[in-house]
């Protein structure tokens, strides 16, 4: 968000800097940060020095800056890490052992329905698992991912009406971007207890995911697996994922 920083608080300026970093650009120079934030050079350099001193940024090779270890340390204090991920990991590992496939844990990140996405907070994978685009701390669309559809299946009609007010982007030729088709898909997901995608985010991949029952103090949660099209057995995988969702929800209530 570039522009005049007059009258803007220090925290807002710091967030402008931190929001510049991404999966594609985890390391940025001061010049690149200046272009992206629009902050005055003197203001930016003072801010970079402070953020580095606090450990929120770190110096990287080639005069770049990266996210600092203190910011990661603080993030690990979130209930998404301390409570949700730590409780879910044994159950995710059992699901991986039973399937040999990528296991994902995601929550609904929705400041508003129009900006909602699936935030990945846990992942278990192995050498033979199919490569995926997800990573812990990464975001993916709701309508093209298994965990995303599972999360959508928990939403009420008024929430979905706002969500569908924003056009859905097509990730592959198989992505469902029609409101009527996606609503029908969500109805099927609710009736059988799990959602599916078929090459809707990545060609050759199928996902099976189930939502967790509501847990106080946590956002909506879903667990899912991603498998290659050639070895996907929905009738076998669906019940396994649903049972894992039930086990994690039960463990969270007693944690």
C-alpha atoms as a PDB file:
ATOM      1  CA  UNK A   1       0.000   0.000   0.000  1.00  0.00           C
ATOM      2  CA  UNK A   2       2.000   2.947  -1.262  1.00  0.00           C
ATOM      3  CA  UNK A   3       1.269   6.571  -0.522  1.00  0.00           C
ATOM      4  CA  UNK A   4       1.911   9.502   1.774  1.00  0.00           C
ATOM      5  CA  UNK A   5       2.736   8.331   5.296  1.00  0.00           C
ATOM      6  CA  UNK A   6       1.989  11.674   6.980  1.00  0.00           C
ATOM      7  CA  UNK A   7      -0.128  11.170  10.071  1.00  0.00           C
ATOM      8  CA  UNK A   8       0.244   7.393   9.946  1.00  0.00           C
ATOM      9  CA  UNK A   9       1.210   5.626  13.166  1.00  0.00           C
ATOM     10  CA  UNK A  10       4.398   3.633  13.573  1.00  0.00           C
ATOM     11  CA  UNK A  11       2.558   0.330  13.876  1.00  0.00           C
ATOM     12  CA  UNK A  12       0.719   0.926  10.600  1.00  0.00           C
ATOM     13  CA  UNK A  13       4.000   1.743   8.889  1.00  0.00           C
ATOM     14  CA  UNK A  14       5.593  -1.393  10.290  1.00  0.00           C
ATOM     15  CA  UNK A  15       2.715  -3.493   8.980  1.00  0.00           C
ATOM     16  CA  UNK A  16       3.148  -1.933   5.552  1.00  0.00           C
ATOM     17  CA  UNK A  17       6.727  -3.192   5.579  1.00  0.00           C
ATOM     18  CA  UNK A  18       5.930  -6.666   6.895  1.00  0.00           C
ATOM     19  CA  UNK A  19       3.118  -7.161   4.379  1.00  0.00           C
ATOM     20  CA  UNK A  20       5.626  -6.762   1.535  1.00  0.00           C
ATOM     21  CA  UNK A  21       7.120 -10.204   2.160  1.00  0.00           C
ATOM     22  CA  UNK A  22       5.555 -13.218   0.450  1.00  0.00           C
ATOM     23  CA  UNK A  23       6.159 -16.785  -0.690  1.00  0.00           C
ATOM     24  CA  UNK A  24       7.577 -15.493  -3.950  1.00  0.00           C
ATOM     25  CA  UNK A  25       9.638 -12.734  -2.329  1.00  0.00           C
ATOM     26  CA  UNK A  26      10.802 -13.763   1.160  1.00  0.00           C
ATOM     27  CA  UNK A  27      13.859 -11.461   0.935  1.00  0.00           C
ATOM     28  CA  UNK A  28      13.697  -7.807  -0.151  1.00  0.00           C
ATOM     29  CA  UNK A  29      16.149  -4.912  -0.313  1.00  0.00           C
ATOM     30  CA  UNK A  30      15.497  -1.532   1.250  1.00  0.00           C
ATOM     31  CA  UNK A  31      14.978  -0.093  -2.230  1.00  0.00           C
ATOM     32  CA  UNK A  32      12.334  -2.715  -3.020  1.00  0.00           C
ATOM     33  CA  UNK A  33      10.599  -2.072   0.292  1.00  0.00           C
ATOM     34  CA  UNK A  34      10.617   1.663  -0.409  1.00  0.00           C
ATOM     35  CA  UNK A  35       8.917   1.123  -3.766  1.00  0.00           C
ATOM     36  CA  UNK A  36       6.286  -1.197  -2.294  1.00  0.00           C
ATOM     37  CA  UNK A  37       5.465   0.879   0.783  1.00  0.00           C
ATOM     38  CA  UNK A  38       5.858   4.387  -0.574  1.00  0.00           C
ATOM     39  CA  UNK A  39       7.496   5.409   2.704  1.00  0.00           C
ATOM     40  CA  UNK A  40      10.028   8.204   2.723  1.00  0.00           C
ATOM     41  CA  UNK A  41      13.592   6.878   2.599  1.00  0.00           C
ATOM     42  CA  UNK A  42      14.567   8.329   5.976  1.00  0.00           C
ATOM     43  CA  UNK A  43      11.398   6.975   7.610  1.00  0.00           C
ATOM     44  CA  UNK A  44      11.906   3.536   6.085  1.00  0.00           C
ATOM     45  CA  UNK A  45      15.541   3.230   7.180  1.00  0.00           C
ATOM     46  CA  UNK A  46      14.684   4.188  10.764  1.00  0.00           C
ATOM     47  CA  UNK A  47      11.853   1.670  10.729  1.00  0.00           C
ATOM     48  CA  UNK A  48      14.030  -1.096   9.277  1.00  0.00           C
ATOM     49  CA  UNK A  49      16.647  -0.478  11.952  1.00  0.00           C
ATOM     50  CA  UNK A  50      14.035  -0.713  14.718  1.00  0.00           C
ATOM     51  CA  UNK A  51      12.387  -3.836  13.295  1.00  0.00           C
ATOM     52  CA  UNK A  52      15.801  -5.471  12.980  1.00  0.00           C
ATOM     53  CA  UNK A  53      16.767  -4.521  16.546  1.00  0.00           C
ATOM     54  CA  UNK A  54      13.544  -6.097  17.829  1.00  0.00           C
ATOM     55  CA  UNK A  55      14.161  -9.269  15.798  1.00  0.00           C
ATOM     56  CA  UNK A  56      11.046  -8.796  13.683  1.00  0.00           C
ATOM     57  CA  UNK A  57      13.263  -8.503  10.612  1.00  0.00           C
ATOM     58  CA  UNK A  58      16.696  -9.977   9.939  1.00  0.00           C
ATOM     59  CA  UNK A  59      19.450  -9.057   7.516  1.00  0.00           C
ATOM     60  CA  UNK A  60      19.882 -11.475   4.641  1.00  0.00           C
ATOM     61  CA  UNK A  61      22.493 -11.884   1.900  1.00  0.00           C
ATOM     62  CA  UNK A  62      22.881  -9.193  -0.725  1.00  0.00           C
ATOM     63  CA  UNK A  63      21.693  -6.349   1.537  1.00  0.00           C
ATOM     64  CA  UNK A  64      18.256  -7.889   1.830  1.00  0.00           C
ATOM     65  CA  UNK A  65      15.863  -8.144   4.744  1.00  0.00           C
ATOM     66  CA  UNK A  66      13.879 -11.217   5.749  1.00  0.00           C
ATOM     67  CA  UNK A  67      11.297 -12.003   8.413  1.00  0.00           C
ATOM     68  CA  UNK A  68      13.061 -12.293  11.769  1.00  0.00           C
ATOM     69  CA  UNK A  69      13.133 -15.147  14.258  1.00  0.00           C
ATOM     70  CA  UNK A  70      11.393 -13.123  16.967  1.00  0.00           C
ATOM     71  CA  UNK A  71       8.342 -12.689  14.722  1.00  0.00           C
ATOM     72  CA  UNK A  72       8.266 -16.456  14.148  1.00  0.00           C
ATOM     73  CA  UNK A  73       8.676 -17.032  17.898  1.00  0.00           C
ATOM     74  CA  UNK A  74       5.721 -14.785  18.683  1.00  0.00           C
ATOM     75  CA  UNK A  75       3.594 -16.478  16.035  1.00  0.00           C
ATOM     76  CA  UNK A  76       4.196 -19.834  17.674  1.00  0.00           C
ATOM     77  CA  UNK A  77       2.393 -18.506  20.769  1.00  0.00           C
ATOM     78  CA  UNK A  78      -0.875 -18.308  18.832  1.00  0.00           C
ATOM     79  CA  UNK A  79      -3.603 -20.794  19.806  1.00  0.00           C
ATOM     80  CA  UNK A  80      -3.378 -22.019  16.224  1.00  0.00           C
ATOM     81  CA  UNK A  81       0.056 -23.387  17.133  1.00  0.00           C
ATOM     82  CA  UNK A  82       0.008 -24.028  20.860  1.00  0.00           C
ATOM     83  CA  UNK A  83      -3.480 -25.494  21.033  1.00  0.00           C
ATOM     84  CA  UNK A  84      -4.702 -26.547  17.605  1.00  0.00           C
ATOM     85  CA  UNK A  85      -1.620 -27.782  15.770  1.00  0.00           C
ATOM     86  CA  UNK A  86       0.030 -29.454  18.754  1.00  0.00           C
ATOM     87  CA  UNK A  87      -3.182 -31.306  19.623  1.00  0.00           C
ATOM     88  CA  UNK A  88      -3.872 -32.284  16.008  1.00  0.00           C
ATOM     89  CA  UNK A  89      -0.387 -33.517  15.057  1.00  0.00           C
ATOM     90  CA  UNK A  90      -0.672 -37.060  16.504  1.00  0.00           C
ATOM     91  CA  UNK A  91      -3.980 -37.561  14.667  1.00  0.00           C
ATOM     92  CA  UNK A  92      -2.546 -36.084  11.462  1.00  0.00           C
ATOM     93  CA  UNK A  93       0.394 -38.482  11.751  1.00  0.00           C
ATOM     94  CA  UNK A  94      -1.957 -41.450  12.124  1.00  0.00           C
ATOM     95  CA  UNK A  95      -3.879 -40.343   9.039  1.00  0.00           C
ATOM     96  CA  UNK A  96      -0.606 -40.069   7.136  1.00  0.00           C
ATOM     97  CA  UNK A  97       0.444 -43.537   8.292  1.00  0.00           C
ATOM     98  CA  UNK A  98      -2.878 -44.951   7.101  1.00  0.00           C
ATOM     99  CA  UNK A  99      -2.729 -43.310   3.674  1.00  0.00           C
ATOM    100  CA  UNK A 100       0.860 -42.307   2.918  1.00  0.00           C
ATOM    101  CA  UNK A 101      -0.512 -39.041   1.529  1.00  0.00           C
ATOM    102  CA  UNK A 102      -0.178 -35.329   2.326  1.00  0.00           C
ATOM    103  CA  UNK A 103      -2.246 -34.333   5.348  1.00  0.00           C
ATOM    104  CA  UNK A 104      -3.272 -30.700   5.766  1.00  0.00           C
ATOM    105  CA  UNK A 105      -4.840 -28.774   8.637  1.00  0.00           C
ATOM    106  CA  UNK A 106      -6.412 -25.423   7.827  1.00  0.00           C
ATOM    107  CA  UNK A 107      -8.578 -22.775   9.449  1.00  0.00           C
ATOM    108  CA  UNK A 108     -11.007 -20.249   8.016  1.00  0.00           C
ATOM    109  CA  UNK A 109      -9.352 -16.833   7.954  1.00  0.00           C
ATOM    110  CA  UNK A 110     -12.211 -14.470   7.284  1.00  0.00           C
ATOM    111  CA  UNK A 111     -11.998 -10.834   8.353  1.00  0.00           C
ATOM    112  CA  UNK A 112     -15.000 -10.626   5.992  1.00  0.00           C
ATOM    113  CA  UNK A 113     -16.675 -13.285   3.803  1.00  0.00           C
ATOM    114  CA  UNK A 114     -15.513 -11.367   0.742  1.00  0.00           C
ATOM    115  CA  UNK A 115     -11.831 -11.785   1.719  1.00  0.00           C
ATOM    116  CA  UNK A 116     -11.996 -15.246   3.269  1.00  0.00           C
ATOM    117  CA  UNK A 117      -9.323 -17.853   2.586  1.00  0.00           C
ATOM    118  CA  UNK A 118      -7.978 -21.133   3.946  1.00  0.00           C
ATOM    119  CA  UNK A 119      -4.973 -20.585   6.209  1.00  0.00           C
ATOM    120  CA  UNK A 120      -2.794 -23.692   6.501  1.00  0.00           C
ATOM    121  CA  UNK A 121      -1.601 -24.267  10.077  1.00  0.00           C
ATOM    122  CA  UNK A 122      -0.343 -27.854   9.929  1.00  0.00           C
ATOM    123  CA  UNK A 123       1.094 -30.305   7.429  1.00  0.00           C
ATOM    124  CA  UNK A 124       2.388 -33.871   7.483  1.00  0.00           C
ATOM    125  CA  UNK A 125       4.034 -35.224   4.353  1.00  0.00           C
ATOM    126  CA  UNK A 126       6.509 -37.849   3.232  1.00  0.00           C
ATOM    127  CA  UNK A 127       8.917 -38.792   0.474  1.00  0.00           C
ATOM    128  CA  UNK A 128       6.268 -40.547  -1.611  1.00  0.00           C
ATOM    129  CA  UNK A 129       3.555 -37.909  -1.121  1.00  0.00           C
ATOM    130  CA  UNK A 130       2.554 -35.909  -4.179  1.00  0.00           C
ATOM    131  CA  UNK A 131       3.932 -32.327  -4.263  1.00  0.00           C
ATOM    132  CA  UNK A 132       1.418 -29.630  -3.318  1.00  0.00           C
ATOM    133  CA  UNK A 133       1.293 -25.841  -3.304  1.00  0.00           C
ATOM    134  CA  UNK A 134       0.416 -25.540   0.372  1.00  0.00           C
ATOM    135  CA  UNK A 135       2.764 -24.690   3.228  1.00  0.00           C
ATOM    136  CA  UNK A 136       2.288 -23.929   6.898  1.00  0.00           C
ATOM    137  CA  UNK A 137       1.321 -20.284   7.179  1.00  0.00           C
ATOM    138  CA  UNK A 138       0.289 -20.172   3.528  1.00  0.00           C
ATOM    139  CA  UNK A 139      -3.129 -19.338   2.138  1.00  0.00           C
ATOM    140  CA  UNK A 140      -5.188 -20.925  -0.606  1.00  0.00           C
ATOM    141  CA  UNK A 141      -8.635 -20.190  -2.047  1.00  0.00           C
ATOM    142  CA  UNK A 142     -11.635 -21.789  -0.387  1.00  0.00           C
ATOM    143  CA  UNK A 143     -13.436 -22.862  -3.556  1.00  0.00           C
ATOM    144  CA  UNK A 144     -10.581 -24.841  -5.148  1.00  0.00           C
ATOM    145  CA  UNK A 145      -9.130 -26.720  -2.151  1.00  0.00           C
ATOM    146  CA  UNK A 146     -10.547 -29.652  -0.220  1.00  0.00           C
ATOM    147  CA  UNK A 147     -10.065 -28.033   3.186  1.00  0.00           C
ATOM    148  CA  UNK A 148     -11.466 -24.815   1.758  1.00  0.00           C
ATOM    149  CA  UNK A 149     -14.656 -26.480   0.578  1.00  0.00           C
ATOM    150  CA  UNK A 150     -14.974 -28.279   3.905  1.00  0.00           C
ATOM    151  CA  UNK A 151     -14.763 -24.910   5.644  1.00  0.00           C
ATOM    152  CA  UNK A 152     -17.314 -23.405   3.255  1.00  0.00           C
ATOM    153  CA  UNK A 153     -19.696 -26.251   4.047  1.00  0.00           C
ATOM    154  CA  UNK A 154     -19.894 -24.977   7.640  1.00  0.00           C
ATOM    155  CA  UNK A 155     -21.054 -21.475   6.664  1.00  0.00           C
ATOM    156  CA  UNK A 156     -24.624 -20.176   6.817  1.00  0.00           C
ATOM    157  CA  UNK A 157     -26.535 -18.844   3.810  1.00  0.00           C
ATOM    158  CA  UNK A 158     -26.127 -15.157   4.704  1.00  0.00           C
ATOM    159  CA  UNK A 159     -22.341 -15.619   4.973  1.00  0.00           C
ATOM    160  CA  UNK A 160     -22.214 -17.508   1.680  1.00  0.00           C
ATOM    161  CA  UNK A 161     -24.282 -14.813  -0.032  1.00  0.00           C
ATOM    162  CA  UNK A 162     -21.575 -12.270   0.757  1.00  0.00           C
ATOM    163  CA  UNK A 163     -18.821 -14.718  -0.199  1.00  0.00           C
ATOM    164  CA  UNK A 164     -20.372 -15.317  -3.611  1.00  0.00           C
ATOM    165  CA  UNK A 165     -20.635 -11.554  -4.119  1.00  0.00           C
ATOM    166  CA  UNK A 166     -16.998 -11.618  -5.252  1.00  0.00           C
ATOM    167  CA  UNK A 167     -16.198 -13.450  -8.534  1.00  0.00           C
ATOM    168  CA  UNK A 168     -14.348 -16.735  -7.999  1.00  0.00           C
ATOM    169  CA  UNK A 169     -11.042 -17.116  -9.823  1.00  0.00           C
ATOM    170  CA  UNK A 170     -10.295 -20.166 -11.944  1.00  0.00           C
ATOM    171  CA  UNK A 171      -7.080 -21.927 -10.888  1.00  0.00           C
ATOM    172  CA  UNK A 172      -7.340 -24.773 -13.440  1.00  0.00           C
ATOM    173  CA  UNK A 173      -9.757 -25.734 -16.189  1.00  0.00           C
ATOM    174  CA  UNK A 174     -11.552 -27.909 -13.611  1.00  0.00           C
ATOM    175  CA  UNK A 175     -12.110 -25.164 -11.015  1.00  0.00           C
ATOM    176  CA  UNK A 176     -15.743 -24.568 -10.072  1.00  0.00           C
ATOM    177  CA  UNK A 177     -16.499 -20.857 -10.321  1.00  0.00           C
ATOM    178  CA  UNK A 178     -20.272 -21.006 -10.731  1.00  0.00           C
ATOM    179  CA  UNK A 179     -22.220 -20.196  -7.553  1.00  0.00           C
ATOM    180  CA  UNK A 180     -24.945 -22.730  -8.342  1.00  0.00           C
ATOM    181  CA  UNK A 181     -22.445 -25.529  -9.036  1.00  0.00           C
ATOM    182  CA  UNK A 182     -20.406 -24.781  -5.940  1.00  0.00           C
ATOM    183  CA  UNK A 183     -23.503 -24.585  -3.730  1.00  0.00           C
ATOM    184  CA  UNK A 184     -24.554 -27.991  -5.049  1.00  0.00           C
ATOM    185  CA  UNK A 185     -21.079 -29.316  -4.273  1.00  0.00           C
ATOM    186  CA  UNK A 186     -21.322 -27.951  -0.725  1.00  0.00           C
ATOM    187  CA  UNK A 187     -24.701 -29.622  -0.279  1.00  0.00           C
ATOM    188  CA  UNK A 188     -23.125 -32.960  -1.227  1.00  0.00           C
ATOM    189  CA  UNK A 189     -20.277 -32.307   1.191  1.00  0.00           C
ATOM    190  CA  UNK A 190     -22.675 -31.684   4.064  1.00  0.00           C
ATOM    191  CA  UNK A 191     -24.673 -34.824   3.332  1.00  0.00           C
ATOM    192  CA  UNK A 192     -21.697 -37.195   3.276  1.00  0.00           C
ATOM    193  CA  UNK A 193     -19.550 -35.396   5.881  1.00  0.00           C
ATOM    194  CA  UNK A 194     -16.577 -34.528   3.664  1.00  0.00           C
ATOM    195  CA  UNK A 195     -15.713 -32.346   0.672  1.00  0.00           C
ATOM    196  CA  UNK A 196     -13.716 -33.199  -2.427  1.00  0.00           C
ATOM    197  CA  UNK A 197     -11.849 -31.460  -5.204  1.00  0.00           C
ATOM    198  CA  UNK A 198     -10.770 -33.026  -8.457  1.00  0.00           C
ATOM    199  CA  UNK A 199      -7.876 -31.203 -10.155  1.00  0.00           C
ATOM    200  CA  UNK A 200      -9.422 -27.877  -9.160  1.00  0.00           C
ATOM    201  CA  UNK A 201      -6.255 -26.384  -7.645  1.00  0.00           C
ATOM    202  CA  UNK A 202      -3.540 -28.529  -9.218  1.00  0.00           C
ATOM    203  CA  UNK A 203      -3.850 -30.816 -12.202  1.00  0.00           C
ATOM    204  CA  UNK A 204      -3.520 -34.487 -11.294  1.00  0.00           C
ATOM    205  CA  UNK A 205      -4.453 -33.973  -7.637  1.00  0.00           C
ATOM    206  CA  UNK A 206      -7.575 -34.921  -5.698  1.00  0.00           C
ATOM    207  CA  UNK A 207      -8.353 -33.726  -2.190  1.00  0.00           C
ATOM    208  CA  UNK A 208     -10.680 -35.150   0.446  1.00  0.00           C
ATOM    209  CA  UNK A 209     -11.357 -33.009   3.535  1.00  0.00           C
ATOM    210  CA  UNK A 210     -13.718 -32.825   6.497  1.00  0.00           C
ATOM    211  CA  UNK A 211     -14.594 -29.976   8.867  1.00  0.00           C
ATOM    212  CA  UNK A 212     -14.179 -30.290  12.609  1.00  0.00           C
ATOM    213  CA  UNK A 213     -17.152 -29.685  14.849  1.00  0.00           C
ATOM    214  CA  UNK A 214     -17.045 -26.251  16.484  1.00  0.00           C
ATOM    215  CA  UNK A 215     -14.445 -25.827  19.224  1.00  0.00           C
ATOM    216  CA  UNK A 216     -14.678 -22.806  21.539  1.00  0.00           C
ATOM    217  CA  UNK A 217     -11.817 -20.361  21.146  1.00  0.00           C
ATOM    218  CA  UNK A 218     -10.824 -21.512  17.660  1.00  0.00           C
ATOM    219  CA  UNK A 219     -11.910 -20.512  14.151  1.00  0.00           C
ATOM    220  CA  UNK A 220     -13.543 -23.127  11.906  1.00  0.00           C
ATOM    221  CA  UNK A 221     -11.053 -25.950  11.236  1.00  0.00           C
ATOM    222  CA  UNK A 222     -10.762 -28.623   8.529  1.00  0.00           C
ATOM    223  CA  UNK A 223      -8.417 -31.539   7.924  1.00  0.00           C
ATOM    224  CA  UNK A 224      -7.769 -33.013   4.509  1.00  0.00           C
ATOM    225  CA  UNK A 225      -5.497 -35.147   2.384  1.00  0.00           C
ATOM    226  CA  UNK A 226      -4.209 -34.605  -1.140  1.00  0.00           C
ATOM    227  CA  UNK A 227      -3.585 -37.620  -3.360  1.00  0.00           C
ATOM    228  CA  UNK A 228      -2.720 -38.286  -6.965  1.00  0.00           C
ATOM    229  CA  UNK A 229      -5.657 -38.864  -9.289  1.00  0.00           C
ATOM    230  CA  UNK A 230      -4.481 -42.379 -10.175  1.00  0.00           C
ATOM    231  CA  UNK A 231      -4.459 -43.682  -6.594  1.00  0.00           C
ATOM    232  CA  UNK A 232      -7.429 -41.789  -5.115  1.00  0.00           C
ATOM    233  CA  UNK A 233     -10.043 -44.018  -3.496  1.00  0.00           C
ATOM    234  CA  UNK A 234     -12.694 -41.653  -2.163  1.00  0.00           C
ATOM    235  CA  UNK A 235     -14.762 -44.433  -0.573  1.00  0.00           C
ATOM    236  CA  UNK A 236     -11.785 -45.442   1.553  1.00  0.00           C
ATOM    237  CA  UNK A 237     -10.300 -41.996   2.201  1.00  0.00           C
ATOM    238  CA  UNK A 238     -13.528 -40.195   3.071  1.00  0.00           C
ATOM    239  CA  UNK A 239     -14.292 -42.173   6.265  1.00  0.00           C
ATOM    240  CA  UNK A 240     -10.644 -41.952   7.376  1.00  0.00           C
ATOM    241  CA  UNK A 241     -10.633 -38.161   7.076  1.00  0.00           C
ATOM    242  CA  UNK A 242     -14.010 -37.819   8.800  1.00  0.00           C
ATOM    243  CA  UNK A 243     -12.842 -39.961  11.713  1.00  0.00           C
ATOM    244  CA  UNK A 244      -9.664 -37.882  12.053  1.00  0.00           C
ATOM    245  CA  UNK A 245     -11.767 -34.712  12.201  1.00  0.00           C
ATOM    246  CA  UNK A 246     -13.886 -36.231  14.983  1.00  0.00           C
ATOM    247  CA  UNK A 247     -10.827 -37.393  16.914  1.00  0.00           C
ATOM    248  CA  UNK A 248      -9.124 -33.989  16.735  1.00  0.00           C
ATOM    249  CA  UNK A 249     -12.271 -32.140  17.815  1.00  0.00           C
ATOM    250  CA  UNK A 250     -12.697 -34.481  20.775  1.00  0.00           C
ATOM    251  CA  UNK A 251      -9.049 -34.064  21.781  1.00  0.00           C
ATOM    252  CA  UNK A 252      -9.304 -30.270  21.560  1.00  0.00           C
ATOM    253  CA  UNK A 253     -12.278 -30.207  23.908  1.00  0.00           C
ATOM    254  CA  UNK A 254     -10.267 -31.992  26.588  1.00  0.00           C
ATOM    255  CA  UNK A 255      -6.930 -30.275  25.935  1.00  0.00           C
END
